[in-house]
Amino acid sequence: MEDESNEEDLALMARIARDDEEAFRTLVEKHQHAVIGTVSKMTNHSADSEDIAQQVFLRLWKSAKRYQPTAKFTTFLFTITRNLVFNASRKKSRRKEHSFDEQEEDWHKSVEDPNQASRPDQSLVDIELKKVIDRAVAALPEKQRLAVVLRRYEKMPYEEIADVLELSVSAVKSQLFRARAALRDSLEPYLKE
């Protein structure tokens, strides 16, 4: 199944290299949720997330004619994603700016789940716990954070994460081990409750 998906992506990239807009639309629709989700988690749900995700696909379009499938397509896609997210993160830290959206509480994300309506106190606890986890993940160093996001949310194998991060598999496992230890430490007060 995974090989079929990769073959389909490679065929789409070949068509995109010939300026096939329909193939590009198909590829974007297939991967946009994973890219947007990854960018959003990496940027702590910043207002820039969608812009960065759009840049990922724009770069994909522009590089289609030069694209050589030396690894899985998703490795190529998430390498572009990694580069753009890391660049945005560096620019932001140099400017030390935070958008109004990032400073405000995520009140707009706390729309009541009808299944939780009978337990509003549990819903508030869940929302607060999610915020705490998001902050803890956001505090990780870039490579650790991306390794966690790709492994936990995108279900990527270690080998592919290694390709995306340009590390060895053992280095990826080390990054994940350190990230889990840091998360365990920062979330310890909440795990006891």
N, C-alpha and C. Protein backbone atom coordinates (compact mmCIF):
# COMPACT_ATOMS: atom_id res chain seq x y z
N MET A 1 0.83 -1.20 0.00
CA MET A 1 0.00 0.00 0.00
C MET A 1 0.87 1.26 0.00
N GLU A 2 1.88 1.27 0.89
CA GLU A 2 2.77 2.42 0.96
C GLU A 2 3.54 2.59 -0.34
N ASP A 3 4.00 1.48 -0.93
CA ASP A 3 4.72 1.55 -2.20
C ASP A 3 3.83 2.06 -3.31
N GLU A 4 2.55 1.64 -3.30
CA GLU A 4 1.60 2.12 -4.31
C GLU A 4 1.41 3.62 -4.19
N SER A 5 1.29 4.09 -2.96
CA SER A 5 1.11 5.51 -2.73
C SER A 5 2.32 6.30 -3.23
N ASN A 6 3.51 5.78 -2.95
CA ASN A 6 4.73 6.45 -3.41
C ASN A 6 4.79 6.45 -4.94
N GLU A 7 4.44 5.33 -5.57
CA GLU A 7 4.44 5.27 -7.04
C GLU A 7 3.45 6.28 -7.63
N GLU A 8 2.29 6.40 -6.98
CA GLU A 8 1.30 7.38 -7.43
C GLU A 8 1.86 8.80 -7.31
N ASP A 9 2.53 9.10 -6.19
CA ASP A 9 3.13 10.42 -5.99
C ASP A 9 4.20 10.70 -7.05
N LEU A 10 5.02 9.70 -7.35
CA LEU A 10 6.07 9.87 -8.36
C LEU A 10 5.47 10.12 -9.74
N ALA A 11 4.39 9.40 -10.05
CA ALA A 11 3.71 9.62 -11.34
C ALA A 11 3.13 11.03 -11.40
N LEU A 12 2.56 11.48 -10.29
CA LEU A 12 2.02 12.84 -10.25
C LEU A 12 3.12 13.87 -10.43
N MET A 13 4.27 13.65 -9.77
CA MET A 13 5.39 14.59 -9.92
C MET A 13 5.88 14.64 -11.37
N ALA A 14 5.89 13.50 -12.04
CA ALA A 14 6.30 13.48 -13.45
C ALA A 14 5.33 14.32 -14.28
N ARG A 15 4.04 14.22 -13.99
CA ARG A 15 3.05 15.02 -14.71
C ARG A 15 3.19 16.51 -14.36
N ILE A 16 3.48 16.80 -13.10
CA ILE A 16 3.66 18.19 -12.67
C ILE A 16 4.86 18.80 -13.38
N ALA A 17 5.89 18.01 -13.60
CA ALA A 17 7.08 18.48 -14.32
C ALA A 17 6.72 18.92 -15.74
N ARG A 18 5.61 18.39 -16.26
CA ARG A 18 5.12 18.80 -17.59
C ARG A 18 4.01 19.85 -17.46
N ASP A 19 3.99 20.56 -16.31
CA ASP A 19 3.03 21.65 -16.04
C ASP A 19 1.58 21.20 -15.98
N ASP A 20 1.34 19.99 -15.52
CA ASP A 20 -0.02 19.46 -15.38
C ASP A 20 -0.62 19.97 -14.06
N GLU A 21 -1.49 20.97 -14.16
CA GLU A 21 -2.08 21.58 -12.97
C GLU A 21 -3.02 20.64 -12.24
N GLU A 22 -3.70 19.76 -12.97
CA GLU A 22 -4.60 18.81 -12.33
C GLU A 22 -3.82 17.82 -11.46
N ALA A 23 -2.67 17.39 -11.94
CA ALA A 23 -1.82 16.50 -11.14
C ALA A 23 -1.35 17.22 -9.88
N PHE A 24 -1.00 18.48 -10.01
CA PHE A 24 -0.57 19.26 -8.86
C PHE A 24 -1.71 19.38 -7.84
N ARG A 25 -2.90 19.67 -8.32
CA ARG A 25 -4.07 19.79 -7.44
C ARG A 25 -4.29 18.46 -6.69
N THR A 26 -4.16 17.36 -7.40
CA THR A 26 -4.34 16.04 -6.78
C THR A 26 -3.29 15.80 -5.70
N LEU A 27 -2.05 16.14 -6.00
CA LEU A 27 -0.97 15.94 -5.04
C LEU A 27 -1.16 16.82 -3.80
N VAL A 28 -1.57 18.06 -4.00
CA VAL A 28 -1.82 18.97 -2.88
C VAL A 28 -2.95 18.42 -2.02
N GLU A 29 -4.04 18.01 -2.65
CA GLU A 29 -5.18 17.49 -1.89
C GLU A 29 -4.79 16.25 -1.10
N LYS A 30 -3.93 15.44 -1.66
CA LYS A 30 -3.50 14.21 -0.99
C LYS A 30 -2.65 14.48 0.24
N HIS A 31 -1.79 15.50 0.18
CA HIS A 31 -0.81 15.73 1.24
C HIS A 31 -1.02 16.99 2.07
N GLN A 32 -2.00 17.81 1.73
CA GLN A 32 -2.13 19.09 2.41
C GLN A 32 -2.40 18.96 3.91
N HIS A 33 -3.20 18.00 4.32
CA HIS A 33 -3.51 17.88 5.74
C HIS A 33 -2.26 17.52 6.54
N ALA A 34 -1.45 16.62 6.01
CA ALA A 34 -0.22 16.23 6.70
C ALA A 34 0.75 17.40 6.79
N VAL A 35 0.89 18.15 5.70
CA VAL A 35 1.82 19.29 5.69
C VAL A 35 1.31 20.39 6.62
N ILE A 36 0.06 20.76 6.50
CA ILE A 36 -0.49 21.82 7.35
C ILE A 36 -0.42 21.41 8.82
N GLY A 37 -0.76 20.16 9.11
CA GLY A 37 -0.69 19.68 10.48
C GLY A 37 0.72 19.73 11.04
N THR A 38 1.68 19.29 10.24
CA THR A 38 3.07 19.31 10.68
C THR A 38 3.56 20.73 10.90
N VAL A 39 3.28 21.60 9.95
CA VAL A 39 3.70 23.01 10.08
C VAL A 39 3.04 23.63 11.31
N SER A 40 1.77 23.37 11.48
CA SER A 40 1.04 23.93 12.62
C SER A 40 1.64 23.47 13.95
N LYS A 41 1.94 22.20 14.05
CA LYS A 41 2.54 21.68 15.29
C LYS A 41 3.95 22.24 15.50
N MET A 42 4.68 22.40 14.43
CA MET A 42 6.05 22.91 14.53
C MET A 42 6.08 24.40 14.88
N THR A 43 5.07 25.14 14.48
CA THR A 43 5.04 26.59 14.73
C THR A 43 4.12 26.95 15.88
N ASN A 44 3.71 25.94 16.65
CA ASN A 44 2.82 26.14 17.79
C ASN A 44 1.54 26.86 17.37
N HIS A 45 0.98 26.40 16.28
CA HIS A 45 -0.30 26.90 15.75
C HIS A 45 -0.24 28.38 15.43
N SER A 46 0.90 28.83 14.92
CA SER A 46 1.10 30.23 14.58
C SER A 46 0.19 30.64 13.42
N ALA A 47 -0.05 31.93 13.33
CA ALA A 47 -0.85 32.47 12.23
C ALA A 47 -0.16 32.24 10.89
N ASP A 48 1.15 31.98 10.91
CA ASP A 48 1.92 31.78 9.69
C ASP A 48 1.82 30.35 9.14
N SER A 49 1.19 29.45 9.85
CA SER A 49 1.18 28.04 9.47
C SER A 49 0.68 27.80 8.05
N GLU A 50 -0.46 28.39 7.71
CA GLU A 50 -1.01 28.16 6.38
C GLU A 50 -0.13 28.78 5.30
N ASP A 51 0.47 29.94 5.59
CA ASP A 51 1.38 30.57 4.61
C ASP A 51 2.59 29.67 4.35
N ILE A 52 3.14 29.12 5.41
CA ILE A 52 4.30 28.24 5.25
C ILE A 52 3.91 27.00 4.47
N ALA A 53 2.75 26.43 4.78
CA ALA A 53 2.28 25.24 4.05
C ALA A 53 2.10 25.56 2.56
N GLN A 54 1.57 26.74 2.25
CA GLN A 54 1.42 27.14 0.85
C GLN A 54 2.79 27.25 0.18
N GLN A 55 3.77 27.78 0.92
CA GLN A 55 5.12 27.90 0.37
C GLN A 55 5.71 26.52 0.08
N VAL A 56 5.39 25.54 0.92
CA VAL A 56 5.87 24.17 0.69
C VAL A 56 5.40 23.70 -0.68
N PHE A 57 4.12 23.86 -0.96
CA PHE A 57 3.59 23.37 -2.23
C PHE A 57 4.05 24.22 -3.41
N LEU A 58 4.26 25.50 -3.17
CA LEU A 58 4.82 26.35 -4.23
C LEU A 58 6.22 25.89 -4.59
N ARG A 59 7.03 25.58 -3.59
CA ARG A 59 8.39 25.05 -3.83
C ARG A 59 8.32 23.71 -4.56
N LEU A 60 7.35 22.91 -4.19
CA LEU A 60 7.17 21.60 -4.84
C LEU A 60 6.90 21.80 -6.33
N TRP A 61 6.01 22.73 -6.66
CA TRP A 61 5.68 23.03 -8.06
C TRP A 61 6.92 23.50 -8.81
N LYS A 62 7.65 24.44 -8.19
CA LYS A 62 8.82 25.02 -8.84
C LYS A 62 9.95 24.01 -9.03
N SER A 63 10.03 23.02 -8.15
CA SER A 63 11.13 22.05 -8.24
C SER A 63 10.76 20.80 -9.04
N ALA A 64 9.56 20.72 -9.52
CA ALA A 64 9.09 19.49 -10.20
C ALA A 64 9.95 19.11 -11.40
N LYS A 65 10.39 20.07 -12.18
CA LYS A 65 11.19 19.76 -13.37
C LYS A 65 12.57 19.20 -13.01
N ARG A 66 13.08 19.57 -11.83
CA ARG A 66 14.40 19.09 -11.39
C ARG A 66 14.32 17.87 -10.48
N TYR A 67 13.13 17.51 -10.08
CA TYR A 67 12.94 16.45 -9.08
C TYR A 67 13.47 15.11 -9.59
N GLN A 68 14.30 14.49 -8.75
CA GLN A 68 14.82 13.15 -9.02
C GLN A 68 14.44 12.27 -7.82
N PRO A 69 13.68 11.22 -8.04
CA PRO A 69 13.23 10.38 -6.93
C PRO A 69 14.35 9.51 -6.35
N THR A 70 15.14 10.09 -5.47
CA THR A 70 16.22 9.33 -4.82
C THR A 70 15.75 8.73 -3.50
N ALA A 71 14.60 9.17 -3.01
CA ALA A 71 14.00 8.65 -1.78
C ALA A 71 12.49 8.67 -1.97
N LYS A 72 11.77 8.27 -0.94
CA LYS A 72 10.31 8.35 -1.03
C LYS A 72 9.89 9.79 -1.28
N PHE A 73 8.79 9.97 -1.97
CA PHE A 73 8.29 11.31 -2.24
C PHE A 73 8.03 12.08 -0.96
N THR A 74 7.45 11.42 0.05
CA THR A 74 7.13 12.12 1.29
C THR A 74 8.40 12.61 2.00
N THR A 75 9.51 11.92 1.80
CA THR A 75 10.78 12.40 2.36
C THR A 75 11.13 13.74 1.73
N PHE A 76 10.99 13.83 0.42
CA PHE A 76 11.25 15.07 -0.30
C PHE A 76 10.30 16.17 0.18
N LEU A 77 9.02 15.84 0.28
CA LEU A 77 8.00 16.80 0.70
C LEU A 77 8.29 17.33 2.11
N PHE A 78 8.60 16.43 3.04
CA PHE A 78 8.83 16.87 4.41
C PHE A 78 10.21 17.50 4.60
N THR A 79 11.13 17.27 3.69
CA THR A 79 12.40 17.98 3.73
C THR A 79 12.17 19.45 3.37
N ILE A 80 11.34 19.69 2.36
CA ILE A 80 10.96 21.07 2.01
C ILE A 80 10.25 21.70 3.21
N THR A 81 9.34 20.96 3.80
CA THR A 81 8.61 21.46 4.97
C THR A 81 9.57 21.81 6.10
N ARG A 82 10.50 20.91 6.38
CA ARG A 82 11.49 21.15 7.44
C ARG A 82 12.26 22.44 7.17
N ASN A 83 12.77 22.60 5.96
CA ASN A 83 13.56 23.79 5.64
C ASN A 83 12.77 25.07 5.84
N LEU A 84 11.55 25.10 5.36
CA LEU A 84 10.75 26.32 5.49
C LEU A 84 10.36 26.61 6.94
N VAL A 85 10.03 25.57 7.69
CA VAL A 85 9.68 25.77 9.10
C VAL A 85 10.89 26.25 9.90
N PHE A 86 12.04 25.61 9.69
CA PHE A 86 13.24 26.01 10.41
C PHE A 86 13.64 27.44 10.05
N ASN A 87 13.53 27.81 8.77
CA ASN A 87 13.85 29.18 8.35
C ASN A 87 12.90 30.19 9.01
N ALA A 88 11.62 29.88 9.02
CA ALA A 88 10.63 30.78 9.64
C ALA A 88 10.90 30.90 11.14
N SER A 89 11.26 29.81 11.76
CA SER A 89 11.55 29.81 13.20
C SER A 89 12.76 30.68 13.50
N ARG A 90 13.79 30.58 12.68
CA ARG A 90 15.00 31.39 12.89
C ARG A 90 14.71 32.87 12.69
N LYS A 91 13.94 33.19 11.65
CA LYS A 91 13.59 34.60 11.40
C LYS A 91 12.79 35.16 12.57
N LYS A 92 11.86 34.37 13.06
CA LYS A 92 11.00 34.82 14.15
C LYS A 92 11.82 35.03 15.42
N SER A 93 12.75 34.12 15.70
CA SER A 93 13.54 34.27 16.93
C SER A 93 14.48 35.47 16.83
N ARG A 94 14.94 35.78 15.62
CA ARG A 94 15.79 36.97 15.45
C ARG A 94 14.99 38.24 15.69
N ARG A 95 13.73 38.23 15.24
CA ARG A 95 12.89 39.42 15.42
C ARG A 95 12.22 39.43 16.79
N LYS A 96 12.21 38.27 17.44
CA LYS A 96 11.55 38.11 18.74
C LYS A 96 10.14 38.68 18.72
N GLU A 97 9.40 38.33 17.69
CA GLU A 97 8.04 38.83 17.60
C GLU A 97 7.06 37.70 17.83
N HIS A 98 5.93 38.06 18.36
CA HIS A 98 4.86 37.10 18.57
C HIS A 98 3.58 37.78 18.13
N SER A 99 2.80 37.09 17.34
CA SER A 99 1.57 37.69 16.85
C SER A 99 0.55 37.78 17.97
N PHE A 100 -0.41 38.63 17.80
CA PHE A 100 -1.50 38.78 18.75
C PHE A 100 -2.20 37.45 18.93
N ASP A 101 -2.40 36.71 17.84
CA ASP A 101 -3.07 35.41 17.90
C ASP A 101 -2.33 34.46 18.82
N GLU A 102 -1.00 34.48 18.78
CA GLU A 102 -0.22 33.56 19.59
C GLU A 102 -0.25 33.93 21.06
N GLN A 103 -0.45 35.21 21.35
CA GLN A 103 -0.46 35.66 22.73
C GLN A 103 -1.82 35.44 23.38
N GLU A 104 -2.86 35.44 22.60
CA GLU A 104 -4.20 35.27 23.13
C GLU A 104 -4.45 33.81 23.48
N GLU A 105 -5.37 33.60 24.36
CA GLU A 105 -5.79 32.24 24.67
C GLU A 105 -6.46 31.66 23.43
N ASP A 106 -6.42 30.38 23.30
CA ASP A 106 -7.04 29.72 22.15
C ASP A 106 -8.53 29.52 22.39
N TRP A 107 -9.21 30.57 22.77
CA TRP A 107 -10.62 30.46 23.10
C TRP A 107 -11.45 30.00 21.92
N HIS A 108 -11.04 30.40 20.72
CA HIS A 108 -11.79 30.02 19.53
C HIS A 108 -11.66 28.53 19.21
N LYS A 109 -10.64 27.87 19.78
CA LYS A 109 -10.46 26.44 19.54
C LYS A 109 -11.22 25.60 20.55
N SER A 110 -11.80 26.24 21.55
CA SER A 110 -12.45 25.48 22.60
C SER A 110 -13.95 25.37 22.37
N VAL A 111 -14.34 25.25 21.12
CA VAL A 111 -15.75 25.06 20.80
C VAL A 111 -16.20 23.76 21.44
N GLU A 112 -17.32 23.81 22.08
CA GLU A 112 -17.78 22.67 22.86
C GLU A 112 -18.08 21.47 21.96
N ASP A 113 -17.56 20.34 22.35
CA ASP A 113 -17.82 19.07 21.70
C ASP A 113 -19.15 18.56 22.24
N PRO A 114 -20.11 18.26 21.36
CA PRO A 114 -21.41 17.81 21.85
C PRO A 114 -21.31 16.55 22.72
N ASN A 115 -20.32 15.72 22.49
CA ASN A 115 -20.15 14.52 23.29
C ASN A 115 -19.67 14.85 24.70
N GLN A 116 -19.08 16.02 24.88
CA GLN A 116 -18.57 16.43 26.18
C GLN A 116 -19.56 17.33 26.92
N ALA A 117 -20.69 17.63 26.31
CA ALA A 117 -21.64 18.58 26.88
C ALA A 117 -22.06 18.19 28.29
N SER A 118 -22.17 16.91 28.57
CA SER A 118 -22.60 16.49 29.89
C SER A 118 -21.46 16.56 30.91
N ARG A 119 -20.22 16.77 30.45
CA ARG A 119 -19.06 16.82 31.33
C ARG A 119 -18.22 18.06 31.03
N PRO A 120 -18.75 19.25 31.27
CA PRO A 120 -17.99 20.46 30.92
C PRO A 120 -16.67 20.57 31.67
N ASP A 121 -16.61 20.07 32.92
CA ASP A 121 -15.37 20.14 33.66
C ASP A 121 -14.28 19.30 33.02
N GLN A 122 -14.63 18.12 32.50
CA GLN A 122 -13.65 17.27 31.81
C GLN A 122 -13.19 17.93 30.52
N SER A 123 -14.10 18.59 29.82
CA SER A 123 -13.76 19.28 28.59
C SER A 123 -12.73 20.38 28.85
N LEU A 124 -12.89 21.12 29.92
CA LEU A 124 -11.93 22.18 30.27
C LEU A 124 -10.58 21.58 30.62
N VAL A 125 -10.58 20.48 31.33
CA VAL A 125 -9.32 19.80 31.68
C VAL A 125 -8.62 19.33 30.42
N ASP A 126 -9.37 18.74 29.49
CA ASP A 126 -8.79 18.26 28.23
C ASP A 126 -8.19 19.41 27.43
N ILE A 127 -8.90 20.53 27.37
CA ILE A 127 -8.41 21.70 26.63
C ILE A 127 -7.12 22.21 27.26
N GLU A 128 -7.11 22.32 28.59
CA GLU A 128 -5.93 22.82 29.28
C GLU A 128 -4.75 21.85 29.11
N LEU A 129 -5.01 20.56 29.19
CA LEU A 129 -3.94 19.57 29.02
C LEU A 129 -3.36 19.64 27.61
N LYS A 130 -4.22 19.81 26.62
CA LYS A 130 -3.73 19.93 25.24
C LYS A 130 -2.83 21.16 25.10
N LYS A 131 -3.20 22.27 25.73
CA LYS A 131 -2.37 23.48 25.68
C LYS A 131 -1.01 23.23 26.32
N VAL A 132 -1.03 22.55 27.46
CA VAL A 132 0.22 22.26 28.17
C VAL A 132 1.12 21.38 27.32
N ILE A 133 0.55 20.36 26.69
CA ILE A 133 1.33 19.46 25.84
C ILE A 133 1.87 20.23 24.63
N ASP A 134 1.03 21.05 24.01
CA ASP A 134 1.48 21.85 22.86
C ASP A 134 2.65 22.76 23.25
N ARG A 135 2.56 23.39 24.43
CA ARG A 135 3.65 24.27 24.89
C ARG A 135 4.92 23.46 25.14
N ALA A 136 4.76 22.28 25.72
CA ALA A 136 5.94 21.43 26.00
C ALA A 136 6.61 20.99 24.71
N VAL A 137 5.82 20.60 23.71
CA VAL A 137 6.38 20.20 22.42
C VAL A 137 7.03 21.41 21.75
N ALA A 138 6.40 22.57 21.83
CA ALA A 138 6.94 23.79 21.21
C ALA A 138 8.27 24.20 21.83
N ALA A 139 8.49 23.82 23.09
CA ALA A 139 9.72 24.20 23.77
C ALA A 139 10.90 23.31 23.40
N LEU A 140 10.64 22.20 22.72
CA LEU A 140 11.73 21.30 22.31
C LEU A 140 12.59 21.96 21.24
N PRO A 141 13.86 21.59 21.16
CA PRO A 141 14.70 22.05 20.04
C PRO A 141 14.08 21.61 18.71
N GLU A 142 14.36 22.35 17.65
CA GLU A 142 13.73 22.11 16.34
C GLU A 142 13.76 20.67 15.88
N LYS A 143 14.94 20.06 15.87
CA LYS A 143 15.05 18.69 15.34
C LYS A 143 14.28 17.70 16.19
N GLN A 144 14.33 17.87 17.51
CA GLN A 144 13.57 16.98 18.38
C GLN A 144 12.08 17.17 18.14
N ARG A 145 11.66 18.42 18.02
CA ARG A 145 10.24 18.71 17.81
C ARG A 145 9.76 18.10 16.50
N LEU A 146 10.53 18.26 15.42
CA LEU A 146 10.12 17.70 14.14
C LEU A 146 10.13 16.18 14.18
N ALA A 147 11.10 15.59 14.84
CA ALA A 147 11.14 14.13 14.97
C ALA A 147 9.89 13.63 15.69
N VAL A 148 9.50 14.31 16.76
CA VAL A 148 8.30 13.92 17.50
C VAL A 148 7.06 14.06 16.63
N VAL A 149 6.94 15.18 15.94
CA VAL A 149 5.76 15.42 15.10
C VAL A 149 5.68 14.37 13.98
N LEU A 150 6.78 14.11 13.30
CA LEU A 150 6.76 13.14 12.20
C LEU A 150 6.48 11.72 12.69
N ARG A 151 7.03 11.36 13.84
CA ARG A 151 6.83 10.01 14.36
C ARG A 151 5.44 9.84 14.95
N ARG A 152 5.04 10.79 15.80
CA ARG A 152 3.78 10.65 16.55
C ARG A 152 2.56 10.93 15.69
N TYR A 153 2.60 12.01 14.92
CA TYR A 153 1.41 12.44 14.20
C TYR A 153 1.38 11.95 12.75
N GLU A 154 2.54 11.87 12.10
CA GLU A 154 2.58 11.43 10.70
C GLU A 154 2.92 9.95 10.57
N LYS A 155 3.22 9.30 11.69
CA LYS A 155 3.50 7.85 11.74
C LYS A 155 4.63 7.44 10.80
N MET A 156 5.62 8.31 10.65
CA MET A 156 6.74 8.02 9.75
C MET A 156 7.68 7.01 10.38
N PRO A 157 8.24 6.13 9.57
CA PRO A 157 9.26 5.21 10.09
C PRO A 157 10.56 5.97 10.38
N TYR A 158 11.38 5.41 11.25
CA TYR A 158 12.64 6.06 11.63
C TYR A 158 13.51 6.38 10.42
N GLU A 159 13.55 5.48 9.45
CA GLU A 159 14.41 5.68 8.27
C GLU A 159 14.01 6.93 7.50
N GLU A 160 12.71 7.14 7.35
CA GLU A 160 12.26 8.31 6.60
C GLU A 160 12.50 9.60 7.40
N ILE A 161 12.29 9.54 8.70
CA ILE A 161 12.57 10.71 9.55
C ILE A 161 14.06 11.05 9.45
N ALA A 162 14.89 10.01 9.43
CA ALA A 162 16.34 10.22 9.30
C ALA A 162 16.66 10.94 8.00
N ASP A 163 16.00 10.55 6.91
CA ASP A 163 16.23 11.22 5.63
C ASP A 163 15.78 12.68 5.68
N VAL A 164 14.62 12.92 6.26
CA VAL A 164 14.09 14.29 6.34
C VAL A 164 15.02 15.18 7.17
N LEU A 165 15.48 14.64 8.31
CA LEU A 165 16.32 15.44 9.20
C LEU A 165 17.80 15.39 8.84
N GLU A 166 18.13 14.57 7.83
CA GLU A 166 19.52 14.39 7.41
C GLU A 166 20.37 13.90 8.58
N LEU A 167 19.86 12.87 9.26
CA LEU A 167 20.54 12.25 10.37
C LEU A 167 20.57 10.74 10.16
N SER A 168 21.34 10.04 10.96
CA SER A 168 21.30 8.57 10.93
C SER A 168 20.07 8.11 11.71
N VAL A 169 19.68 6.87 11.50
CA VAL A 169 18.54 6.32 12.23
C VAL A 169 18.83 6.34 13.73
N SER A 170 20.05 5.98 14.12
CA SER A 170 20.37 5.99 15.55
C SER A 170 20.32 7.41 16.12
N ALA A 171 20.69 8.41 15.32
CA ALA A 171 20.60 9.80 15.79
C ALA A 171 19.14 10.23 15.95
N VAL A 172 18.27 9.75 15.06
CA VAL A 172 16.83 10.05 15.17
C VAL A 172 16.30 9.43 16.46
N LYS A 173 16.66 8.18 16.71
CA LYS A 173 16.20 7.52 17.94
C LYS A 173 16.72 8.27 19.17
N SER A 174 17.93 8.79 19.09
CA SER A 174 18.49 9.56 20.19
C SER A 174 17.72 10.87 20.37
N GLN A 175 17.40 11.53 19.26
CA GLN A 175 16.62 12.77 19.31
C GLN A 175 15.26 12.51 19.97
N LEU A 176 14.62 11.41 19.57
CA LEU A 176 13.31 11.07 20.13
C LEU A 176 13.42 10.72 21.61
N PHE A 177 14.47 10.01 21.99
CA PHE A 177 14.67 9.66 23.39
C PHE A 177 14.82 10.92 24.23
N ARG A 178 15.66 11.86 23.76
CA ARG A 178 15.86 13.11 24.50
C ARG A 178 14.57 13.94 24.55
N ALA A 179 13.83 13.94 23.44
CA ALA A 179 12.57 14.68 23.40
C ALA A 179 11.57 14.09 24.40
N ARG A 180 11.47 12.76 24.42
CA ARG A 180 10.53 12.13 25.36
C ARG A 180 10.93 12.41 26.81
N ALA A 181 12.23 12.39 27.08
CA ALA A 181 12.70 12.68 28.44
C ALA A 181 12.36 14.12 28.82
N ALA A 182 12.58 15.05 27.90
CA ALA A 182 12.27 16.46 28.16
C ALA A 182 10.76 16.65 28.36
N LEU A 183 9.97 15.98 27.54
CA LEU A 183 8.51 16.09 27.68
C LEU A 183 8.05 15.49 29.00
N ARG A 184 8.62 14.36 29.35
CA ARG A 184 8.26 13.73 30.62
C ARG A 184 8.57 14.67 31.79
N ASP A 185 9.75 15.31 31.74
CA ASP A 185 10.13 16.25 32.80
C ASP A 185 9.20 17.45 32.87
N SER A 186 8.91 18.03 31.70
CA SER A 186 8.07 19.24 31.71
C SER A 186 6.60 18.93 32.00
N LEU A 187 6.17 17.71 31.73
CA LEU A 187 4.76 17.36 31.97
C LEU A 187 4.55 16.62 33.30
N GLU A 188 5.64 16.36 34.02
CA GLU A 188 5.55 15.59 35.27
C GLU A 188 4.52 16.14 36.26
N PRO A 189 4.47 17.45 36.47
CA PRO A 189 3.47 17.97 37.42
C PRO A 189 2.03 17.63 37.00
N TYR A 190 1.79 17.54 35.71
CA TYR A 190 0.43 17.27 35.22
C TYR A 190 0.14 15.77 35.22
N LEU A 191 1.17 14.95 35.10
CA LEU A 191 0.98 13.51 35.08
C LEU A 191 0.63 12.98 36.47
N LYS A 192 1.03 13.72 37.51
CA LYS A 192 0.73 13.30 38.88
C LYS A 192 -0.71 13.57 39.26
N GLU A 193 -1.33 14.52 38.56
CA GLU A 193 -2.71 14.89 38.90
C GLU A 193 -3.71 13.87 38.47
